[in-house]
Amino acid sequence: MDKKLVLVGGGGHCKSVIDSLSEKSEYSEIVITDYSLPEGTIVNGCNVVGNDDCLPDLKNNGFDYAFITMGSVGKPNVRASLVEEIEKLGFLSPIIIDSTAVIADDVHIGQGTFIGKNATINTGVSIGSHCIINTGCIIEHESVIGDKCHIATGAILCGGVHVGNNSFVGAGSTIIQSVCIGKNVVIGANSTVLYNIGDEMKVCGILSKNSGGGPKLSN
């Protein structure tokens, strides 16, 4: 089968995804769309063919697969809108897993999700669609990650953690076992979360009942 893939977004996250794809020969052609890079730019061996306005033409010319390679830091709504666009156009979104990731046999991973280098995902975990599980993350047993979440580099989610849709867990953060994180939450880098966090919150630091919930940036 002649499989062709469009990567939507040509920045640093795109380079990470291409590096993981380079270990395989699954696609006969991989191209990139990006608004900020000139057409003809080469990113890690893949050609930028234009901006996202090209997506309908690419779909009509044999590119059945599309993958969002724009990171979510600072622009989760843009990433979410791109997901809606490729779904509306009828693209299929593959699951891309780096060969160095360690994943239990019974883990569920939704379409369009990226699992980066040296990530460890233990038994009974469920990960939604269009998530980023970045380099060196640990997601322990029976945790549930919603759709369009970004678990940043080196974050640790202990057993039974729940993370709502569209939430971001910053680099190096630790979420203690059985904690529930709401939807559209941002947890700053190197935070320690010891209690539940509601929807639409932006928090950082050591977040415990004894510290009054920790510093709240905004809601």
C-alpha atoms as a PDB file:
ATOM      1  CA  MET A   1       0.000   0.000   0.000  1.00  0.00           C
ATOM      2  CA  ASP A   2       1.319   3.440  -0.995  1.00  0.00           C
ATOM      3  CA  LYS A   3       0.933   5.471   2.217  1.00  0.00           C
ATOM      4  CA  LYS A   4       1.611   9.209   2.166  1.00  0.00           C
ATOM      5  CA  LEU A   5       1.744  11.415   5.271  1.00  0.00           C
ATOM      6  CA  VAL A   6       1.354  15.165   5.849  1.00  0.00           C
ATOM      7  CA  LEU A   7       2.948  16.670   8.957  1.00  0.00           C
ATOM      8  CA  VAL A   8       1.103  19.837   9.988  1.00  0.00           C
ATOM      9  CA  GLY A   9       3.656  22.206  11.537  1.00  0.00           C
ATOM     10  CA  GLY A  10       7.375  22.346  10.818  1.00  0.00           C
ATOM     11  CA  GLY A  11       8.970  23.384  14.118  1.00  0.00           C
ATOM     12  CA  GLY A  12      10.930  21.555  16.785  1.00  0.00           C
ATOM     13  CA  HIS A  13       8.215  19.049  17.631  1.00  0.00           C
ATOM     14  CA  CYS A  14       7.993  18.164  13.944  1.00  0.00           C
ATOM     15  CA  LYS A  15      11.713  17.368  13.937  1.00  0.00           C
ATOM     16  CA  SER A  16      11.237  15.001  16.878  1.00  0.00           C
ATOM     17  CA  VAL A  17       8.397  13.217  15.102  1.00  0.00           C
ATOM     18  CA  ILE A  18      10.410  12.891  11.873  1.00  0.00           C
ATOM     19  CA  ASP A  19      13.306  11.420  13.837  1.00  0.00           C
ATOM     20  CA  SER A  20      10.996   8.761  15.262  1.00  0.00           C
ATOM     21  CA  LEU A  21       9.530   8.073  11.814  1.00  0.00           C
ATOM     22  CA  SER A  22      12.985   7.740  10.244  1.00  0.00           C
ATOM     23  CA  GLU A  23      13.487   4.407  12.001  1.00  0.00           C
ATOM     24  CA  LYS A  24      10.657   2.911   9.921  1.00  0.00           C
ATOM     25  CA  SER A  25       9.738   2.751   6.243  1.00  0.00           C
ATOM     26  CA  GLU A  26       5.992   2.950   6.664  1.00  0.00           C
ATOM     27  CA  TYR A  27       5.342   5.929   4.362  1.00  0.00           C
ATOM     28  CA  SER A  28       6.378   6.337   0.737  1.00  0.00           C
ATOM     29  CA  GLU A  29       6.309  10.133   1.039  1.00  0.00           C
ATOM     30  CA  ILE A  30       6.247  12.577   3.961  1.00  0.00           C
ATOM     31  CA  VAL A  31       5.666  16.313   3.442  1.00  0.00           C
ATOM     32  CA  ILE A  32       5.119  19.275   5.753  1.00  0.00           C
ATOM     33  CA  THR A  33       2.718  22.215   5.791  1.00  0.00           C
ATOM     34  CA  ASP A  34       3.671  25.317   7.758  1.00  0.00           C
ATOM     35  CA  TYR A  35       2.667  28.994   7.664  1.00  0.00           C
ATOM     36  CA  SER A  36       6.029  30.359   8.807  1.00  0.00           C
ATOM     37  CA  LEU A  37       8.422  28.354   6.606  1.00  0.00           C
ATOM     38  CA  PRO A  38       8.890  29.114   2.892  1.00  0.00           C
ATOM     39  CA  GLU A  39       7.777  26.504   0.403  1.00  0.00           C
ATOM     40  CA  GLY A  40      10.731  24.285  -0.494  1.00  0.00           C
ATOM     41  CA  THR A  41      12.306  24.414   2.958  1.00  0.00           C
ATOM     42  CA  ILE A  42      13.709  21.038   3.977  1.00  0.00           C
ATOM     43  CA  VAL A  43      13.101  19.980   7.597  1.00  0.00           C
ATOM     44  CA  ASN A  44      15.020  16.847   8.603  1.00  0.00           C
ATOM     45  CA  GLY A  45      14.785  15.558   5.050  1.00  0.00           C
ATOM     46  CA  CYS A  46      11.096  16.388   4.509  1.00  0.00           C
ATOM     47  CA  ASN A  47       9.866  19.066   2.101  1.00  0.00           C
ATOM     48  CA  VAL A  48       7.632  21.989   3.107  1.00  0.00           C
ATOM     49  CA  VAL A  49       5.023  22.085   0.329  1.00  0.00           C
ATOM     50  CA  GLY A  50       3.106  25.157   1.485  1.00  0.00           C
ATOM     51  CA  ASN A  51       0.837  26.239   4.320  1.00  0.00           C
ATOM     52  CA  ASP A  52      -2.249  24.550   5.715  1.00  0.00           C
ATOM     53  CA  ASP A  53      -4.338  25.834   2.810  1.00  0.00           C
ATOM     54  CA  CYS A  54      -2.710  23.011   0.812  1.00  0.00           C
ATOM     55  CA  LEU A  55      -4.346  20.316   2.925  1.00  0.00           C
ATOM     56  CA  PRO A  56      -7.450  19.768   0.728  1.00  0.00           C
ATOM     57  CA  ASP A  57      -5.289  19.408  -2.403  1.00  0.00           C
ATOM     58  CA  LEU A  58      -2.938  17.015  -0.633  1.00  0.00           C
ATOM     59  CA  LYS A  59      -5.900  14.908   0.477  1.00  0.00           C
ATOM     60  CA  ASN A  60      -7.125  14.777  -3.118  1.00  0.00           C
ATOM     61  CA  ASN A  61      -3.682  13.722  -4.326  1.00  0.00           C
ATOM     62  CA  GLY A  62      -3.180  10.562  -2.343  1.00  0.00           C
ATOM     63  CA  PHE A  63      -2.122  11.869   1.059  1.00  0.00           C
ATOM     64  CA  ASP A  64      -4.542   9.922   3.228  1.00  0.00           C
ATOM     65  CA  TYR A  65      -2.681  10.470   6.505  1.00  0.00           C
ATOM     66  CA  ALA A  66      -2.082  13.682   8.464  1.00  0.00           C
ATOM     67  CA  PHE A  67      -0.420  14.221  11.829  1.00  0.00           C
ATOM     68  CA  ILE A  68      -0.341  17.417  13.892  1.00  0.00           C
ATOM     69  CA  THR A  69       3.302  18.279  14.575  1.00  0.00           C
ATOM     70  CA  MET A  70       2.687  21.680  16.125  1.00  0.00           C
ATOM     71  CA  GLY A  71       3.399  21.607  19.854  1.00  0.00           C
ATOM     72  CA  SER A  72       0.758  22.779  22.291  1.00  0.00           C
ATOM     73  CA  VAL A  73       2.863  25.064  24.524  1.00  0.00           C
ATOM     74  CA  GLY A  74       1.256  28.507  24.467  1.00  0.00           C
ATOM     75  CA  LYS A  75      -1.129  27.639  21.640  1.00  0.00           C
ATOM     76  CA  PRO A  76      -3.375  24.711  22.618  1.00  0.00           C
ATOM     77  CA  ASN A  77      -6.379  26.219  20.832  1.00  0.00           C
ATOM     78  CA  VAL A  78      -4.454  26.415  17.548  1.00  0.00           C
ATOM     79  CA  ARG A  79      -3.466  22.774  17.858  1.00  0.00           C
ATOM     80  CA  ALA A  80      -7.062  21.800  18.671  1.00  0.00           C
ATOM     81  CA  SER A  81      -8.379  23.687  15.633  1.00  0.00           C
ATOM     82  CA  LEU A  82      -5.869  21.894  13.387  1.00  0.00           C
ATOM     83  CA  VAL A  83      -7.109  18.559  14.710  1.00  0.00           C
ATOM     84  CA  GLU A  84     -10.658  19.571  13.787  1.00  0.00           C
ATOM     85  CA  GLU A  85      -9.517  20.637  10.319  1.00  0.00           C
ATOM     86  CA  ILE A  86      -7.774  17.388   9.402  1.00  0.00           C
ATOM     87  CA  GLU A  87     -10.695  15.368  10.754  1.00  0.00           C
ATOM     88  CA  LYS A  88     -13.160  17.422   8.705  1.00  0.00           C
ATOM     89  CA  LEU A  89     -11.073  16.821   5.574  1.00  0.00           C
ATOM     90  CA  GLY A  90     -11.167  13.073   6.178  1.00  0.00           C
ATOM     91  CA  PHE A  91      -7.497  12.450   6.933  1.00  0.00           C
ATOM     92  CA  LEU A  92      -6.506   9.423   8.979  1.00  0.00           C
ATOM     93  CA  SER A  93      -4.209  10.192  11.929  1.00  0.00           C
ATOM     94  CA  PRO A  94      -1.636   7.515  12.751  1.00  0.00           C
ATOM     95  CA  ILE A  95      -0.179   6.713  16.138  1.00  0.00           C
ATOM     96  CA  ILE A  96       3.567   7.424  16.098  1.00  0.00           C
ATOM     97  CA  ILE A  97       5.702   5.712  18.732  1.00  0.00           C
ATOM     98  CA  ASP A  98       9.468   6.066  19.039  1.00  0.00           C
ATOM     99  CA  SER A  99      11.235   2.718  19.055  1.00  0.00           C
ATOM    100  CA  THR A 100      12.848   3.475  22.435  1.00  0.00           C
ATOM    101  CA  ALA A 101       9.519   3.878  24.257  1.00  0.00           C
ATOM    102  CA  VAL A 102       8.517   1.107  26.676  1.00  0.00           C
ATOM    103  CA  ILE A 103       4.779   0.423  26.538  1.00  0.00           C
ATOM    104  CA  ALA A 104       2.796  -2.340  28.247  1.00  0.00           C
ATOM    105  CA  ASP A 105       0.837  -4.656  25.973  1.00  0.00           C
ATOM    106  CA  ASP A 106      -2.593  -3.596  27.244  1.00  0.00           C
ATOM    107  CA  VAL A 107      -2.147   0.180  26.912  1.00  0.00           C
ATOM    108  CA  HIS A 108      -4.772   1.987  24.825  1.00  0.00           C
ATOM    109  CA  ILE A 109      -3.475   4.848  22.642  1.00  0.00           C
ATOM    110  CA  GLY A 110      -5.798   7.063  20.600  1.00  0.00           C
ATOM    111  CA  GLN A 111      -5.276   8.141  16.992  1.00  0.00           C
ATOM    112  CA  GLY A 112      -2.890  10.992  16.268  1.00  0.00           C
ATOM    113  CA  THR A 113      -0.893  10.534  19.474  1.00  0.00           C
ATOM    114  CA  PHE A 114       2.908  10.767  19.634  1.00  0.00           C
ATOM    115  CA  ILE A 115       4.966   8.786  22.157  1.00  0.00           C
ATOM    116  CA  GLY A 116       8.516  10.149  22.352  1.00  0.00           C
ATOM    117  CA  LYS A 117      11.922   8.737  23.148  1.00  0.00           C
ATOM    118  CA  ASN A 118      12.356   6.676  26.322  1.00  0.00           C
ATOM    119  CA  ALA A 119       8.792   7.226  27.497  1.00  0.00           C
ATOM    120  CA  THR A 120       7.516   4.504  29.832  1.00  0.00           C
ATOM    121  CA  ILE A 121       3.808   3.672  29.893  1.00  0.00           C
ATOM    122  CA  ASN A 122       2.730   0.985  32.316  1.00  0.00           C
ATOM    123  CA  THR A 123      -0.111  -1.518  32.339  1.00  0.00           C
ATOM    124  CA  GLY A 124      -3.749  -0.448  32.181  1.00  0.00           C
ATOM    125  CA  VAL A 125      -3.056   3.088  30.946  1.00  0.00           C
ATOM    126  CA  SER A 126      -5.434   4.796  28.509  1.00  0.00           C
ATOM    127  CA  ILE A 127      -4.214   7.733  26.398  1.00  0.00           C
ATOM    128  CA  GLY A 128      -6.627   9.754  24.279  1.00  0.00           C
ATOM    129  CA  SER A 129      -6.311  11.003  20.724  1.00  0.00           C
ATOM    130  CA  HIS A 130      -3.871  13.651  19.455  1.00  0.00           C
ATOM    131  CA  CYS A 131      -1.753  13.694  22.617  1.00  0.00           C
ATOM    132  CA  ILE A 132       1.956  14.400  23.003  1.00  0.00           C
ATOM    133  CA  ILE A 133       3.721  12.097  25.464  1.00  0.00           C
ATOM    134  CA  ASN A 134       7.181  13.592  25.340  1.00  0.00           C
ATOM    135  CA  THR A 135      10.723  12.391  25.921  1.00  0.00           C
ATOM    136  CA  GLY A 136      11.319  10.458  29.126  1.00  0.00           C
ATOM    137  CA  CYS A 137       7.793  10.672  30.534  1.00  0.00           C
ATOM    138  CA  ILE A 138       6.631   8.010  32.975  1.00  0.00           C
ATOM    139  CA  ILE A 139       2.916   7.228  33.054  1.00  0.00           C
ATOM    140  CA  GLU A 140       2.187   4.627  35.680  1.00  0.00           C
ATOM    141  CA  HIS A 141      -0.436   1.892  35.883  1.00  0.00           C
ATOM    142  CA  GLU A 142      -4.127   2.608  35.285  1.00  0.00           C
ATOM    143  CA  SER A 143      -3.703   6.311  34.580  1.00  0.00           C
ATOM    144  CA  VAL A 144      -6.109   7.926  32.119  1.00  0.00           C
ATOM    145  CA  ILE A 145      -5.040  10.769  29.805  1.00  0.00           C
ATOM    146  CA  GLY A 146      -7.746  12.654  27.890  1.00  0.00           C
ATOM    147  CA  ASP A 147      -7.697  13.889  24.294  1.00  0.00           C
ATOM    148  CA  LYS A 148      -5.252  16.554  23.054  1.00  0.00           C
ATOM    149  CA  CYS A 149      -3.129  16.507  26.217  1.00  0.00           C
ATOM    150  CA  HIS A 150       0.586  17.312  26.329  1.00  0.00           C
ATOM    151  CA  ILE A 151       2.707  15.553  28.942  1.00  0.00           C
ATOM    152  CA  ALA A 152       6.026  17.375  28.684  1.00  0.00           C
ATOM    153  CA  THR A 153       9.572  16.074  28.928  1.00  0.00           C
ATOM    154  CA  GLY A 154      10.387  14.061  32.034  1.00  0.00           C
ATOM    155  CA  ALA A 155       7.004  14.397  33.722  1.00  0.00           C
ATOM    156  CA  ILE A 156       5.946  11.576  36.057  1.00  0.00           C
ATOM    157  CA  LEU A 157       2.334  10.529  36.499  1.00  0.00           C
ATOM    158  CA  CYS A 158       2.002   8.025  39.319  1.00  0.00           C
ATOM    159  CA  GLY A 159      -0.575   5.248  39.362  1.00  0.00           C
ATOM    160  CA  GLY A 160      -4.246   6.006  38.775  1.00  0.00           C
ATOM    161  CA  VAL A 161      -3.819   9.647  37.742  1.00  0.00           C
ATOM    162  CA  HIS A 162      -6.557  11.151  35.556  1.00  0.00           C
ATOM    163  CA  VAL A 163      -5.844  14.104  33.239  1.00  0.00           C
ATOM    164  CA  GLY A 164      -8.726  15.872  31.477  1.00  0.00           C
ATOM    165  CA  ASN A 165      -8.905  16.874  27.827  1.00  0.00           C
ATOM    166  CA  ASN A 166      -6.633  19.644  26.479  1.00  0.00           C
ATOM    167  CA  SER A 167      -4.431  19.782  29.582  1.00  0.00           C
ATOM    168  CA  PHE A 168      -0.676  20.382  29.810  1.00  0.00           C
ATOM    169  CA  VAL A 169       1.676  18.891  32.400  1.00  0.00           C
ATOM    170  CA  GLY A 170       4.976  20.775  32.435  1.00  0.00           C
ATOM    171  CA  ALA A 171       8.465  19.330  32.125  1.00  0.00           C
ATOM    172  CA  GLY A 172       9.775  17.546  35.197  1.00  0.00           C
ATOM    173  CA  SER A 173       6.487  17.684  37.075  1.00  0.00           C
ATOM    174  CA  THR A 174       5.243  14.888  39.329  1.00  0.00           C
ATOM    175  CA  ILE A 175       1.574  14.040  39.786  1.00  0.00           C
ATOM    176  CA  ILE A 176       1.040  11.857  42.859  1.00  0.00           C
ATOM    177  CA  GLN A 177      -1.055   8.689  42.627  1.00  0.00           C
ATOM    178  CA  SER A 178      -4.835   8.916  42.145  1.00  0.00           C
ATOM    179  CA  VAL A 179      -4.851  12.697  41.617  1.00  0.00           C
ATOM    180  CA  CYS A 180      -7.401  14.017  39.120  1.00  0.00           C
ATOM    181  CA  ILE A 181      -6.482  16.936  36.847  1.00  0.00           C
ATOM    182  CA  GLY A 182      -9.353  18.740  35.113  1.00  0.00           C
ATOM    183  CA  LYS A 183      -9.692  19.794  31.496  1.00  0.00           C
ATOM    184  CA  ASN A 184      -7.852  22.796  29.987  1.00  0.00           C
ATOM    185  CA  VAL A 185      -5.367  22.844  32.878  1.00  0.00           C
ATOM    186  CA  VAL A 186      -1.771  24.107  32.664  1.00  0.00           C
ATOM    187  CA  ILE A 187       0.701  22.788  35.245  1.00  0.00           C
ATOM    188  CA  GLY A 188       4.024  24.637  35.233  1.00  0.00           C
ATOM    189  CA  ALA A 189       7.393  22.932  34.944  1.00  0.00           C
ATOM    190  CA  ASN A 190       8.833  21.086  37.961  1.00  0.00           C
ATOM    191  CA  SER A 191       5.563  21.204  39.886  1.00  0.00           C
ATOM    192  CA  THR A 192       4.524  18.578  42.429  1.00  0.00           C
ATOM    193  CA  VAL A 193       0.786  17.947  42.515  1.00  0.00           C
ATOM    194  CA  LEU A 194      -0.592  16.259  45.631  1.00  0.00           C
ATOM    195  CA  TYR A 195      -4.289  17.068  45.281  1.00  0.00           C
ATOM    196  CA  ASN A 196      -6.980  17.357  42.617  1.00  0.00           C
ATOM    197  CA  ILE A 197      -7.032  20.376  40.295  1.00  0.00           C
ATOM    198  CA  GLY A 198     -10.271  21.651  38.751  1.00  0.00           C
ATOM    199  CA  ASP A 199     -10.953  22.682  35.171  1.00  0.00           C
ATOM    200  CA  GLU A 200      -9.424  25.741  33.487  1.00  0.00           C
ATOM    201  CA  MET A 201      -6.654  26.284  36.076  1.00  0.00           C
ATOM    202  CA  LYS A 202      -3.043  27.412  35.589  1.00  0.00           C
ATOM    203  CA  VAL A 203      -0.856  26.364  38.520  1.00  0.00           C
ATOM    204  CA  CYS A 204       2.776  25.823  39.471  1.00  0.00           C
ATOM    205  CA  GLY A 205       4.957  24.862  42.415  1.00  0.00           C
ATOM    206  CA  ILE A 206       4.194  22.409  45.220  1.00  0.00           C
ATOM    207  CA  LEU A 207       0.435  21.971  45.143  1.00  0.00           C
ATOM    208  CA  SER A 208      -0.827  20.431  48.375  1.00  0.00           C
ATOM    209  CA  LYS A 209      -3.741  20.916  50.745  1.00  0.00           C
ATOM    210  CA  ASN A 210      -1.321  22.052  53.449  1.00  0.00           C
ATOM    211  CA  SER A 211      -0.016  24.864  51.266  1.00  0.00           C
ATOM    212  CA  GLY A 212      -3.514  26.071  50.440  1.00  0.00           C
ATOM    213  CA  GLY A 213      -3.407  24.633  46.959  1.00  0.00           C
ATOM    214  CA  GLY A 214      -0.133  26.163  45.924  1.00  0.00           C
ATOM    215  CA  PRO A 215       0.378  29.276  43.810  1.00  0.00           C
ATOM    216  CA  LYS A 216      -2.357  29.889  41.270  1.00  0.00           C
ATOM    217  CA  LEU A 217      -1.280  31.802  38.188  1.00  0.00           C
ATOM    218  CA  SER A 218      -4.760  32.361  36.741  1.00  0.00           C
ATOM    219  CA  ASN A 219      -8.016  30.692  35.862  1.00  0.00           C
END
